[in-house]
């Protein structure tokens, strides 16, 4: 999946439909329930693409809020085993139990967005998920300059 995604990005993928395809590639390859890709713009995190037909409860929110905002501020991946126990969590879907959020950092070292992955299971994300999503975020950083 990384090779396919990398080739897709290097071929010039940047528009909303391309980002939607990236999200779906990640979801399908890892059998995740939901993958959302947010871009940082003017102090707001805005959903660019999410898998499935249902939009998240918060398609746009201040970068100072949520787990996504915390990942941007800390410039590092956040893994939450049980979102019900983390006051920073902004509900995307009522059935979410765990989440991983990975910042997307551009070549110029600016955080330009995040990849958010949610699961209906507690403790759903392992070190392998983190490693994979951080590699994906690195590739996306090249597209979101």
N, C-alpha and C. Protein backbone atom coordinates (compact mmCIF):
# COMPACT_ATOMS: atom_id res chain seq x y z
N UNK A 1 0.82 -1.19 0.00
CA UNK A 1 0.00 0.00 0.00
C UNK A 1 0.87 1.25 0.00
N UNK A 2 1.97 1.24 0.73
CA UNK A 2 2.85 2.41 0.76
C UNK A 2 3.41 2.73 -0.62
N UNK A 3 3.80 1.70 -1.36
CA UNK A 3 4.32 1.93 -2.70
C UNK A 3 3.24 2.50 -3.61
N UNK A 4 2.05 1.93 -3.53
CA UNK A 4 0.94 2.40 -4.36
C UNK A 4 0.58 3.84 -4.01
N UNK A 5 0.50 4.14 -2.72
CA UNK A 5 0.18 5.49 -2.27
C UNK A 5 1.28 6.47 -2.67
N UNK A 6 2.53 6.06 -2.50
CA UNK A 6 3.66 6.91 -2.89
C UNK A 6 3.65 7.23 -4.37
N UNK A 7 3.39 6.24 -5.19
CA UNK A 7 3.31 6.46 -6.63
C UNK A 7 2.16 7.40 -6.98
N UNK A 8 1.04 7.24 -6.30
CA UNK A 8 -0.14 8.08 -6.52
C UNK A 8 0.19 9.54 -6.19
N UNK A 9 0.86 9.76 -5.06
CA UNK A 9 1.23 11.11 -4.64
C UNK A 9 2.26 11.70 -5.60
N UNK A 10 3.28 10.92 -5.96
CA UNK A 10 4.31 11.42 -6.88
C UNK A 10 3.75 11.74 -8.25
N UNK A 11 2.65 11.09 -8.63
CA UNK A 11 2.02 11.35 -9.92
C UNK A 11 1.26 12.68 -9.90
N UNK A 12 1.20 13.33 -8.74
CA UNK A 12 0.58 14.65 -8.68
C UNK A 12 -0.75 14.70 -7.95
N UNK A 13 -1.08 13.69 -7.18
CA UNK A 13 -2.35 13.66 -6.45
C UNK A 13 -2.37 14.78 -5.40
N UNK A 14 -3.39 15.65 -5.48
CA UNK A 14 -3.49 16.75 -4.52
C UNK A 14 -4.92 17.19 -4.27
N UNK A 15 -5.79 17.08 -5.25
CA UNK A 15 -7.15 17.59 -5.13
C UNK A 15 -8.01 16.78 -4.18
N UNK A 16 -9.20 17.30 -3.84
CA UNK A 16 -10.09 16.61 -2.89
C UNK A 16 -10.43 15.17 -3.28
N UNK A 17 -10.65 14.91 -4.55
CA UNK A 17 -10.95 13.54 -4.97
C UNK A 17 -9.75 12.63 -4.79
N UNK A 18 -8.56 13.18 -5.04
CA UNK A 18 -7.34 12.41 -4.83
C UNK A 18 -7.14 12.10 -3.35
N UNK A 19 -7.40 13.08 -2.49
CA UNK A 19 -7.25 12.87 -1.05
C UNK A 19 -8.27 11.84 -0.56
N UNK A 20 -9.48 11.89 -1.10
CA UNK A 20 -10.50 10.90 -0.77
C UNK A 20 -10.00 9.50 -1.14
N UNK A 21 -9.37 9.39 -2.30
CA UNK A 21 -8.84 8.10 -2.73
C UNK A 21 -7.71 7.65 -1.79
N UNK A 22 -6.87 8.58 -1.33
CA UNK A 22 -5.81 8.24 -0.38
C UNK A 22 -6.41 7.68 0.91
N UNK A 23 -7.43 8.35 1.43
CA UNK A 23 -8.08 7.89 2.66
C UNK A 23 -8.65 6.49 2.48
N UNK A 24 -9.26 6.25 1.34
CA UNK A 24 -9.85 4.94 1.08
C UNK A 24 -8.77 3.87 0.92
N UNK A 25 -7.64 4.23 0.32
CA UNK A 25 -6.53 3.28 0.19
C UNK A 25 -6.03 2.84 1.57
N UNK A 26 -5.92 3.81 2.48
CA UNK A 26 -5.47 3.51 3.84
C UNK A 26 -6.49 2.62 4.54
N UNK A 27 -7.77 3.00 4.46
CA UNK A 27 -8.82 2.24 5.14
C UNK A 27 -8.87 0.80 4.65
N UNK A 28 -8.84 0.63 3.35
CA UNK A 28 -8.93 -0.70 2.75
C UNK A 28 -7.72 -1.56 3.10
N UNK A 29 -6.53 -0.99 2.99
CA UNK A 29 -5.30 -1.76 3.23
C UNK A 29 -5.21 -2.25 4.67
N UNK A 30 -5.74 -1.46 5.60
CA UNK A 30 -5.58 -1.79 7.02
C UNK A 30 -6.88 -2.26 7.66
N UNK A 31 -7.94 -2.30 6.90
CA UNK A 31 -9.25 -2.71 7.40
C UNK A 31 -9.71 -1.84 8.57
N UNK A 32 -9.46 -0.52 8.44
CA UNK A 32 -9.92 0.43 9.45
C UNK A 32 -11.38 0.75 9.21
N UNK A 33 -12.08 1.13 10.28
CA UNK A 33 -13.49 1.51 10.14
C UNK A 33 -13.62 2.86 9.46
N UNK A 34 -12.83 3.86 9.92
CA UNK A 34 -12.95 5.21 9.36
C UNK A 34 -11.59 5.87 9.34
N UNK A 35 -11.30 6.54 8.23
CA UNK A 35 -10.08 7.33 8.08
C UNK A 35 -10.51 8.72 7.61
N UNK A 36 -10.02 9.73 8.32
CA UNK A 36 -10.28 11.11 7.92
C UNK A 36 -8.97 11.84 7.73
N UNK A 37 -8.94 12.69 6.72
CA UNK A 37 -7.77 13.52 6.46
C UNK A 37 -8.20 14.97 6.55
N UNK A 38 -7.55 15.68 7.47
CA UNK A 38 -7.86 17.09 7.73
C UNK A 38 -6.69 17.95 7.31
N UNK A 39 -6.99 19.13 6.78
CA UNK A 39 -5.95 20.11 6.46
C UNK A 39 -6.05 21.27 7.43
N UNK A 40 -4.90 21.81 7.76
CA UNK A 40 -4.82 22.97 8.64
C UNK A 40 -4.84 24.22 7.78
N UNK A 41 -5.78 25.11 8.07
CA UNK A 41 -5.90 26.35 7.31
C UNK A 41 -6.47 27.45 8.21
N UNK A 42 -5.71 28.51 8.35
CA UNK A 42 -6.16 29.68 9.12
C UNK A 42 -6.65 29.32 10.52
N UNK A 43 -5.90 28.49 11.21
CA UNK A 43 -6.23 28.15 12.58
C UNK A 43 -7.37 27.15 12.74
N UNK A 44 -7.79 26.55 11.64
CA UNK A 44 -8.88 25.58 11.65
C UNK A 44 -8.40 24.27 11.04
N UNK A 45 -8.90 23.17 11.58
CA UNK A 45 -8.72 21.87 10.94
C UNK A 45 -10.01 21.56 10.21
N UNK A 46 -9.89 21.34 8.90
CA UNK A 46 -11.05 21.10 8.05
C UNK A 46 -10.91 19.75 7.37
N UNK A 47 -11.99 18.97 7.42
CA UNK A 47 -11.97 17.66 6.77
C UNK A 47 -11.84 17.87 5.25
N UNK A 48 -10.89 17.18 4.67
CA UNK A 48 -10.73 17.19 3.22
C UNK A 48 -11.37 15.94 2.65
N UNK A 49 -11.18 14.84 3.38
CA UNK A 49 -11.74 13.57 2.92
C UNK A 49 -11.91 12.64 4.10
N UNK A 50 -12.98 11.88 4.04
CA UNK A 50 -13.23 10.83 5.02
C UNK A 50 -13.84 9.65 4.30
N UNK A 51 -13.60 8.48 4.83
CA UNK A 51 -14.14 7.28 4.20
C UNK A 51 -15.59 7.10 4.61
N UNK A 52 -16.32 6.39 3.80
CA UNK A 52 -17.73 6.14 4.10
C UNK A 52 -18.61 7.29 3.65
N UNK A 53 -19.90 7.15 3.93
CA UNK A 53 -20.87 8.13 3.48
C UNK A 53 -21.26 9.15 4.54
N UNK A 54 -21.01 8.83 5.80
CA UNK A 54 -21.41 9.73 6.88
C UNK A 54 -20.30 10.71 7.21
N UNK A 55 -20.62 12.00 7.25
CA UNK A 55 -19.60 13.00 7.61
C UNK A 55 -19.34 12.96 9.12
N UNK A 56 -18.15 13.40 9.53
CA UNK A 56 -17.87 13.46 10.97
C UNK A 56 -18.73 14.54 11.63
N UNK A 57 -18.94 14.40 12.93
CA UNK A 57 -19.74 15.38 13.67
C UNK A 57 -19.10 16.76 13.64
N UNK A 58 -17.78 16.83 13.58
CA UNK A 58 -17.05 18.09 13.54
C UNK A 58 -16.21 18.15 12.27
N UNK A 59 -16.78 18.60 11.16
CA UNK A 59 -16.00 18.67 9.91
C UNK A 59 -14.98 19.80 9.91
N UNK A 60 -15.15 20.75 10.83
CA UNK A 60 -14.23 21.88 10.94
C UNK A 60 -14.23 22.33 12.40
N UNK A 61 -13.05 22.57 12.93
CA UNK A 61 -12.95 23.01 14.32
C UNK A 61 -11.61 23.71 14.54
N UNK A 62 -11.53 24.54 15.59
CA UNK A 62 -10.27 25.26 15.86
C UNK A 62 -9.13 24.28 16.14
N UNK A 63 -7.95 24.63 15.70
CA UNK A 63 -6.78 23.79 15.86
C UNK A 63 -6.41 23.61 17.33
N UNK A 64 -7.00 24.39 18.19
CA UNK A 64 -6.74 24.28 19.63
C UNK A 64 -7.60 23.22 20.30
N UNK A 65 -8.46 22.55 19.54
CA UNK A 65 -9.38 21.58 20.13
C UNK A 65 -9.13 20.17 19.64
N UNK A 66 -9.58 19.21 20.44
CA UNK A 66 -9.60 17.81 20.04
C UNK A 66 -8.25 17.14 20.04
N UNK A 67 -8.29 15.85 19.79
CA UNK A 67 -7.07 15.06 19.67
C UNK A 67 -6.27 15.50 18.45
N UNK A 68 -6.99 15.90 17.41
CA UNK A 68 -6.30 16.38 16.20
C UNK A 68 -5.50 17.64 16.52
N UNK A 69 -6.12 18.55 17.26
CA UNK A 69 -5.42 19.78 17.66
C UNK A 69 -4.21 19.48 18.52
N UNK A 70 -4.34 18.50 19.42
CA UNK A 70 -3.22 18.11 20.28
C UNK A 70 -2.07 17.53 19.46
N UNK A 71 -2.39 16.76 18.41
CA UNK A 71 -1.36 16.20 17.55
C UNK A 71 -0.64 17.30 16.77
N UNK A 72 -1.40 18.31 16.36
CA UNK A 72 -0.78 19.45 15.65
C UNK A 72 0.14 20.20 16.61
N UNK A 73 -0.37 20.51 17.79
CA UNK A 73 0.42 21.28 18.76
C UNK A 73 1.69 20.55 19.17
N UNK A 74 1.57 19.26 19.45
CA UNK A 74 2.73 18.48 19.88
C UNK A 74 3.61 17.99 18.75
N UNK A 75 3.11 18.09 17.52
CA UNK A 75 3.83 17.63 16.34
C UNK A 75 4.20 16.15 16.44
N UNK A 76 3.31 15.37 17.11
CA UNK A 76 3.57 13.94 17.22
C UNK A 76 2.27 13.16 17.26
N UNK A 77 2.39 11.89 16.99
CA UNK A 77 1.25 10.98 16.94
C UNK A 77 0.64 10.82 18.33
N UNK A 78 -0.69 10.78 18.35
CA UNK A 78 -1.43 10.54 19.57
C UNK A 78 -2.25 9.27 19.38
N UNK A 79 -2.12 8.34 20.33
CA UNK A 79 -2.90 7.12 20.33
C UNK A 79 -3.72 7.11 21.62
N UNK A 80 -5.03 6.99 21.47
CA UNK A 80 -5.92 6.95 22.64
C UNK A 80 -6.63 5.60 22.64
N UNK A 81 -6.40 4.85 23.69
CA UNK A 81 -6.96 3.50 23.79
C UNK A 81 -8.45 3.50 24.08
N UNK A 82 -8.93 4.53 24.81
CA UNK A 82 -10.35 4.65 25.13
C UNK A 82 -10.71 6.14 25.11
N UNK A 83 -11.35 6.57 24.04
CA UNK A 83 -11.66 8.00 23.88
C UNK A 83 -12.62 8.51 24.94
N UNK A 84 -13.39 7.63 25.55
CA UNK A 84 -14.32 8.05 26.59
C UNK A 84 -13.58 8.54 27.83
N UNK A 85 -12.31 8.21 27.95
CA UNK A 85 -11.50 8.62 29.10
C UNK A 85 -10.58 9.79 28.79
N UNK A 86 -10.71 10.37 27.61
CA UNK A 86 -9.84 11.49 27.22
C UNK A 86 -10.71 12.70 26.91
N UNK A 87 -10.62 13.71 27.75
CA UNK A 87 -11.44 14.91 27.61
C UNK A 87 -11.17 15.70 26.35
N UNK A 88 -10.07 15.45 25.67
CA UNK A 88 -9.77 16.17 24.43
C UNK A 88 -10.57 15.67 23.24
N UNK A 89 -11.12 14.48 23.35
CA UNK A 89 -11.78 13.84 22.20
C UNK A 89 -13.03 14.61 21.78
N UNK A 90 -13.09 14.97 20.50
CA UNK A 90 -14.30 15.53 19.88
C UNK A 90 -14.96 14.38 19.14
N UNK A 91 -16.17 13.99 19.51
CA UNK A 91 -16.80 12.82 18.89
C UNK A 91 -16.97 12.97 17.38
N UNK A 92 -16.50 11.97 16.68
CA UNK A 92 -16.74 11.90 15.25
C UNK A 92 -17.98 11.06 15.02
N UNK A 93 -17.99 9.91 15.65
CA UNK A 93 -19.13 9.00 15.59
C UNK A 93 -19.38 8.48 17.00
N UNK A 94 -20.61 8.25 17.36
CA UNK A 94 -20.97 7.81 18.70
C UNK A 94 -20.42 6.46 19.10
N UNK A 95 -20.03 5.66 18.13
CA UNK A 95 -19.55 4.31 18.43
C UNK A 95 -18.03 4.21 18.55
N UNK A 96 -17.33 5.32 18.38
CA UNK A 96 -15.87 5.29 18.44
C UNK A 96 -15.39 4.99 19.86
N UNK A 97 -14.40 4.10 19.95
CA UNK A 97 -13.82 3.78 21.25
C UNK A 97 -12.34 4.08 21.33
N UNK A 98 -11.63 4.02 20.18
CA UNK A 98 -10.21 4.37 20.19
C UNK A 98 -9.86 5.12 18.92
N UNK A 99 -8.76 5.89 19.01
CA UNK A 99 -8.37 6.73 17.88
C UNK A 99 -6.86 6.89 17.86
N UNK A 100 -6.35 7.04 16.64
CA UNK A 100 -4.95 7.42 16.42
C UNK A 100 -4.96 8.62 15.49
N UNK A 101 -4.17 9.63 15.84
CA UNK A 101 -4.07 10.85 15.04
C UNK A 101 -2.59 11.10 14.75
N UNK A 102 -2.27 11.27 13.47
CA UNK A 102 -0.89 11.45 13.04
C UNK A 102 -0.77 12.79 12.31
N UNK A 103 0.14 13.67 12.76
CA UNK A 103 0.31 14.94 12.05
C UNK A 103 0.97 14.72 10.69
N UNK A 104 0.54 15.52 9.73
CA UNK A 104 1.15 15.53 8.40
C UNK A 104 2.04 16.76 8.35
N UNK A 105 3.33 16.54 8.15
CA UNK A 105 4.31 17.62 8.20
C UNK A 105 4.91 17.78 6.81
N UNK A 106 4.92 19.02 6.32
CA UNK A 106 5.40 19.32 4.97
C UNK A 106 6.93 19.27 4.91
N UNK A 107 7.45 19.39 3.71
CA UNK A 107 8.90 19.42 3.52
C UNK A 107 9.52 20.62 4.23
N UNK A 108 8.75 21.68 4.37
CA UNK A 108 9.25 22.88 5.05
C UNK A 108 9.06 22.78 6.57
N UNK A 109 8.72 21.58 7.05
CA UNK A 109 8.59 21.30 8.48
C UNK A 109 7.39 21.97 9.16
N UNK A 110 6.38 22.34 8.38
CA UNK A 110 5.15 22.88 8.95
C UNK A 110 4.12 21.76 9.05
N UNK A 111 3.34 21.76 10.13
CA UNK A 111 2.22 20.82 10.22
C UNK A 111 1.13 21.37 9.31
N UNK A 112 0.73 20.57 8.33
CA UNK A 112 -0.25 21.01 7.34
C UNK A 112 -1.58 20.27 7.46
N UNK A 113 -1.62 19.25 8.32
CA UNK A 113 -2.86 18.51 8.49
C UNK A 113 -2.65 17.31 9.39
N UNK A 114 -3.66 16.46 9.45
CA UNK A 114 -3.58 15.24 10.24
C UNK A 114 -4.33 14.11 9.53
N UNK A 115 -3.92 12.90 9.87
CA UNK A 115 -4.67 11.70 9.51
C UNK A 115 -5.28 11.21 10.81
N UNK A 116 -6.59 11.05 10.83
CA UNK A 116 -7.29 10.54 12.01
C UNK A 116 -7.93 9.21 11.64
N UNK A 117 -7.70 8.20 12.47
CA UNK A 117 -8.27 6.88 12.24
C UNK A 117 -9.02 6.49 13.51
N UNK A 118 -10.27 6.06 13.35
CA UNK A 118 -11.10 5.71 14.49
C UNK A 118 -11.55 4.25 14.40
N UNK A 119 -11.74 3.66 15.58
CA UNK A 119 -12.20 2.27 15.67
C UNK A 119 -13.31 2.17 16.70
N UNK A 120 -14.18 1.22 16.51
CA UNK A 120 -15.24 0.96 17.48
C UNK A 120 -14.76 0.03 18.60
N UNK A 121 -13.50 -0.38 18.53
CA UNK A 121 -12.91 -1.28 19.53
C UNK A 121 -11.96 -0.52 20.45
N UNK A 122 -11.91 -0.90 21.70
CA UNK A 122 -10.91 -0.36 22.62
C UNK A 122 -9.54 -0.89 22.24
N UNK A 123 -8.51 -0.09 22.49
CA UNK A 123 -7.12 -0.53 22.26
C UNK A 123 -6.91 -1.09 20.86
N UNK A 124 -7.45 -0.42 19.87
CA UNK A 124 -7.45 -0.97 18.51
C UNK A 124 -6.13 -0.78 17.76
N UNK A 125 -5.27 0.11 18.23
CA UNK A 125 -4.10 0.46 17.44
C UNK A 125 -2.81 0.02 18.11
N UNK A 126 -1.99 -0.70 17.33
CA UNK A 126 -0.71 -1.21 17.81
C UNK A 126 0.43 -0.38 17.23
N UNK A 127 1.65 -0.74 17.61
CA UNK A 127 2.82 -0.05 17.09
C UNK A 127 2.93 -0.13 15.58
N UNK A 128 2.47 -1.23 15.00
CA UNK A 128 2.53 -1.36 13.54
C UNK A 128 1.61 -0.36 12.86
N UNK A 129 0.44 -0.08 13.48
CA UNK A 129 -0.46 0.94 12.91
C UNK A 129 0.22 2.30 12.95
N UNK A 130 0.82 2.60 14.07
CA UNK A 130 1.51 3.89 14.24
C UNK A 130 2.61 4.05 13.18
N UNK A 131 3.45 3.03 13.04
CA UNK A 131 4.55 3.08 12.07
C UNK A 131 4.03 3.29 10.65
N UNK A 132 3.03 2.53 10.28
CA UNK A 132 2.47 2.64 8.94
C UNK A 132 1.88 4.02 8.70
N UNK A 133 1.06 4.49 9.63
CA UNK A 133 0.41 5.79 9.45
C UNK A 133 1.41 6.94 9.47
N UNK A 134 2.48 6.82 10.23
CA UNK A 134 3.52 7.85 10.20
C UNK A 134 4.24 7.88 8.85
N UNK A 135 4.43 6.72 8.26
CA UNK A 135 5.03 6.68 6.90
C UNK A 135 4.08 7.30 5.88
N UNK A 136 2.80 6.97 6.01
CA UNK A 136 1.79 7.56 5.11
C UNK A 136 1.78 9.07 5.27
N UNK A 137 1.81 9.55 6.51
CA UNK A 137 1.80 11.00 6.76
C UNK A 137 3.03 11.67 6.14
N UNK A 138 4.16 11.00 6.20
CA UNK A 138 5.37 11.53 5.58
C UNK A 138 5.21 11.67 4.07
N UNK A 139 4.61 10.66 3.45
CA UNK A 139 4.33 10.75 2.01
C UNK A 139 3.35 11.87 1.70
N UNK A 140 2.31 11.99 2.52
CA UNK A 140 1.30 13.03 2.30
C UNK A 140 1.90 14.42 2.48
N UNK A 141 2.87 14.54 3.38
CA UNK A 141 3.52 15.83 3.59
C UNK A 141 4.13 16.38 2.31
N UNK A 142 4.50 15.48 1.42
CA UNK A 142 5.06 15.90 0.12
C UNK A 142 3.98 16.44 -0.79
N UNK A 143 2.75 15.96 -0.61
CA UNK A 143 1.65 16.41 -1.47
C UNK A 143 1.00 17.68 -0.95
N UNK A 144 1.02 17.87 0.37
CA UNK A 144 0.35 19.02 0.99
C UNK A 144 1.34 20.14 1.29
N UNK A 145 2.06 20.59 0.32
CA UNK A 145 3.05 21.66 0.57
C UNK A 145 2.45 23.03 0.37
